Amino acid sequence: MVREKTRMPMSTAGITSYYEEYRSSIEISPQQVILLGLLIAALTIALHIWGAGLLQ
């Protein structure tokens, strides 16, 4: 009698490519992202404090 071989799924590790070097037309440094976040947070806090008076 012939024994059946165990079949394993095929690996695609050699076929898949990941591109780590992507160059965008807009480049923002990490410092600029942090500064923008702080500015948005400060604006939000200022609007919570003084914004209610603007609506009256």
N, C-alpha and C. Protein backbone atom coordinates (compact mmCIF):
# COMPACT_ATOMS: atom_id res chain seq x y z
N MET A 1 0.82 -1.19 0.00
CA MET A 1 0.00 0.00 0.00
C MET A 1 0.86 1.25 0.00
N VAL A 2 0.40 2.28 -0.69
CA VAL A 2 1.15 3.54 -0.78
C VAL A 2 0.71 4.47 0.34
N ARG A 3 1.71 5.02 1.04
CA ARG A 3 1.39 5.98 2.12
C ARG A 3 1.26 7.38 1.51
N GLU A 4 0.24 8.09 1.95
CA GLU A 4 0.07 9.46 1.47
C GLU A 4 1.02 10.40 2.20
N LYS A 5 1.59 11.33 1.46
CA LYS A 5 2.47 12.32 2.07
C LYS A 5 1.64 13.41 2.73
N THR A 6 2.16 13.93 3.81
CA THR A 6 1.50 15.06 4.47
C THR A 6 1.79 16.31 3.66
N ARG A 7 0.75 17.02 3.30
CA ARG A 7 0.94 18.24 2.50
C ARG A 7 0.84 19.46 3.40
N MET A 8 1.84 20.31 3.30
CA MET A 8 1.89 21.53 4.10
C MET A 8 1.55 22.72 3.19
N PRO A 9 1.03 23.81 3.76
CA PRO A 9 0.75 24.98 2.93
C PRO A 9 2.05 25.59 2.39
N MET A 10 1.95 26.17 1.22
CA MET A 10 3.13 26.76 0.60
C MET A 10 3.48 28.08 1.28
N SER A 11 4.74 28.35 1.37
CA SER A 11 5.22 29.59 1.97
C SER A 11 5.40 30.64 0.88
N THR A 12 5.02 31.88 1.19
CA THR A 12 5.20 32.97 0.23
C THR A 12 6.23 33.97 0.73
N ALA A 13 7.10 33.54 1.61
CA ALA A 13 8.08 34.46 2.21
C ALA A 13 9.02 35.03 1.16
N GLY A 14 9.35 34.30 0.15
CA GLY A 14 10.27 34.80 -0.86
C GLY A 14 9.60 35.68 -1.90
N ILE A 15 8.29 35.64 -1.98
CA ILE A 15 7.56 36.39 -3.00
C ILE A 15 7.12 37.76 -2.50
N THR A 16 6.79 37.86 -1.22
CA THR A 16 6.25 39.09 -0.66
C THR A 16 7.34 40.14 -0.52
N SER A 17 7.04 41.36 -0.96
CA SER A 17 7.98 42.47 -0.84
C SER A 17 7.36 43.57 -0.01
N TYR A 18 8.15 44.15 0.87
CA TYR A 18 7.71 45.28 1.67
C TYR A 18 8.64 46.45 1.37
N TYR A 19 8.06 47.59 1.05
CA TYR A 19 8.85 48.75 0.71
C TYR A 19 8.95 49.67 1.91
N GLU A 20 10.12 49.72 2.53
CA GLU A 20 10.34 50.56 3.70
C GLU A 20 10.74 51.98 3.28
N GLU A 21 11.28 52.15 2.11
CA GLU A 21 11.78 53.44 1.64
C GLU A 21 10.73 54.13 0.78
N TYR A 22 9.73 54.71 1.42
CA TYR A 22 8.70 55.45 0.69
C TYR A 22 8.95 56.94 0.89
N ARG A 23 9.04 57.69 -0.19
CA ARG A 23 9.29 59.12 -0.12
C ARG A 23 8.01 59.86 -0.47
N SER A 24 7.49 60.60 0.49
CA SER A 24 6.27 61.37 0.29
C SER A 24 6.65 62.77 -0.17
N SER A 25 5.73 63.44 -0.85
CA SER A 25 5.99 64.82 -1.27
C SER A 25 5.88 65.77 -0.09
N ILE A 26 5.19 65.36 0.98
CA ILE A 26 5.08 66.16 2.19
C ILE A 26 5.88 65.46 3.28
N GLU A 27 6.91 66.14 3.79
CA GLU A 27 7.72 65.56 4.84
C GLU A 27 7.61 66.42 6.09
N ILE A 28 7.22 65.80 7.20
CA ILE A 28 7.06 66.49 8.47
C ILE A 28 7.94 65.78 9.49
N SER A 29 8.76 66.57 10.18
CA SER A 29 9.65 65.98 11.19
C SER A 29 8.85 65.65 12.45
N PRO A 30 9.37 64.76 13.28
CA PRO A 30 8.68 64.43 14.53
C PRO A 30 8.48 65.64 15.44
N GLN A 31 9.43 66.58 15.43
CA GLN A 31 9.30 67.78 16.25
C GLN A 31 8.12 68.63 15.78
N GLN A 32 7.91 68.70 14.49
CA GLN A 32 6.78 69.47 13.95
C GLN A 32 5.45 68.82 14.32
N VAL A 33 5.41 67.50 14.35
CA VAL A 33 4.18 66.80 14.72
C VAL A 33 3.85 67.07 16.19
N ILE A 34 4.87 67.02 17.05
CA ILE A 34 4.65 67.30 18.48
C ILE A 34 4.21 68.75 18.67
N LEU A 35 4.85 69.69 17.98
CA LEU A 35 4.49 71.10 18.09
C LEU A 35 3.06 71.33 17.62
N LEU A 36 2.67 70.71 16.52
CA LEU A 36 1.30 70.85 16.02
C LEU A 36 0.30 70.29 17.02
N GLY A 37 0.62 69.16 17.62
CA GLY A 37 -0.26 68.59 18.64
C GLY A 37 -0.41 69.49 19.85
N LEU A 38 0.69 70.10 20.29
CA LEU A 38 0.63 71.03 21.42
C LEU A 38 -0.18 72.27 21.08
N LEU A 39 -0.03 72.78 19.86
CA LEU A 39 -0.81 73.95 19.44
C LEU A 39 -2.30 73.64 19.39
N ILE A 40 -2.65 72.48 18.88
CA ILE A 40 -4.07 72.09 18.83
C ILE A 40 -4.62 71.92 20.24
N ALA A 41 -3.82 71.32 21.14
CA ALA A 41 -4.26 71.15 22.53
C ALA A 41 -4.46 72.51 23.19
N ALA A 42 -3.52 73.45 22.98
CA ALA A 42 -3.64 74.79 23.58
C ALA A 42 -4.86 75.52 23.02
N LEU A 43 -5.11 75.40 21.73
CA LEU A 43 -6.28 76.04 21.12
C LEU A 43 -7.57 75.44 21.69
N THR A 44 -7.60 74.13 21.87
CA THR A 44 -8.78 73.47 22.43
C THR A 44 -9.04 73.95 23.86
N ILE A 45 -7.98 74.03 24.66
CA ILE A 45 -8.14 74.50 26.05
C ILE A 45 -8.60 75.95 26.06
N ALA A 46 -8.01 76.79 25.21
CA ALA A 46 -8.40 78.20 25.16
C ALA A 46 -9.86 78.35 24.74
N LEU A 47 -10.31 77.56 23.81
CA LEU A 47 -11.71 77.64 23.38
C LEU A 47 -12.66 77.16 24.47
N HIS A 48 -12.24 76.18 25.26
CA HIS A 48 -13.08 75.74 26.37
C HIS A 48 -13.18 76.82 27.44
N ILE A 49 -12.10 77.56 27.65
CA ILE A 49 -12.10 78.59 28.69
C ILE A 49 -12.85 79.84 28.22
N TRP A 50 -12.48 80.37 27.04
CA TRP A 50 -13.03 81.64 26.58
C TRP A 50 -14.08 81.51 25.48
N GLY A 51 -14.26 80.33 24.94
CA GLY A 51 -15.17 80.16 23.81
C GLY A 51 -16.63 80.32 24.17
N ALA A 52 -17.01 79.97 25.40
CA ALA A 52 -18.41 80.09 25.81
C ALA A 52 -18.84 81.55 25.81
N GLY A 53 -17.93 82.45 26.14
CA GLY A 53 -18.25 83.88 26.13
C GLY A 53 -18.47 84.41 24.73
N LEU A 54 -17.89 83.78 23.74
CA LEU A 54 -18.05 84.23 22.36
C LEU A 54 -19.43 83.89 21.81
N LEU A 55 -20.09 82.89 22.39
CA LEU A 55 -21.39 82.46 21.89
C LEU A 55 -22.53 83.30 22.46
N GLN A 56 -22.29 84.09 23.50
CA GLN A 56 -23.37 84.86 24.13
C GLN A 56 -23.55 86.20 23.48
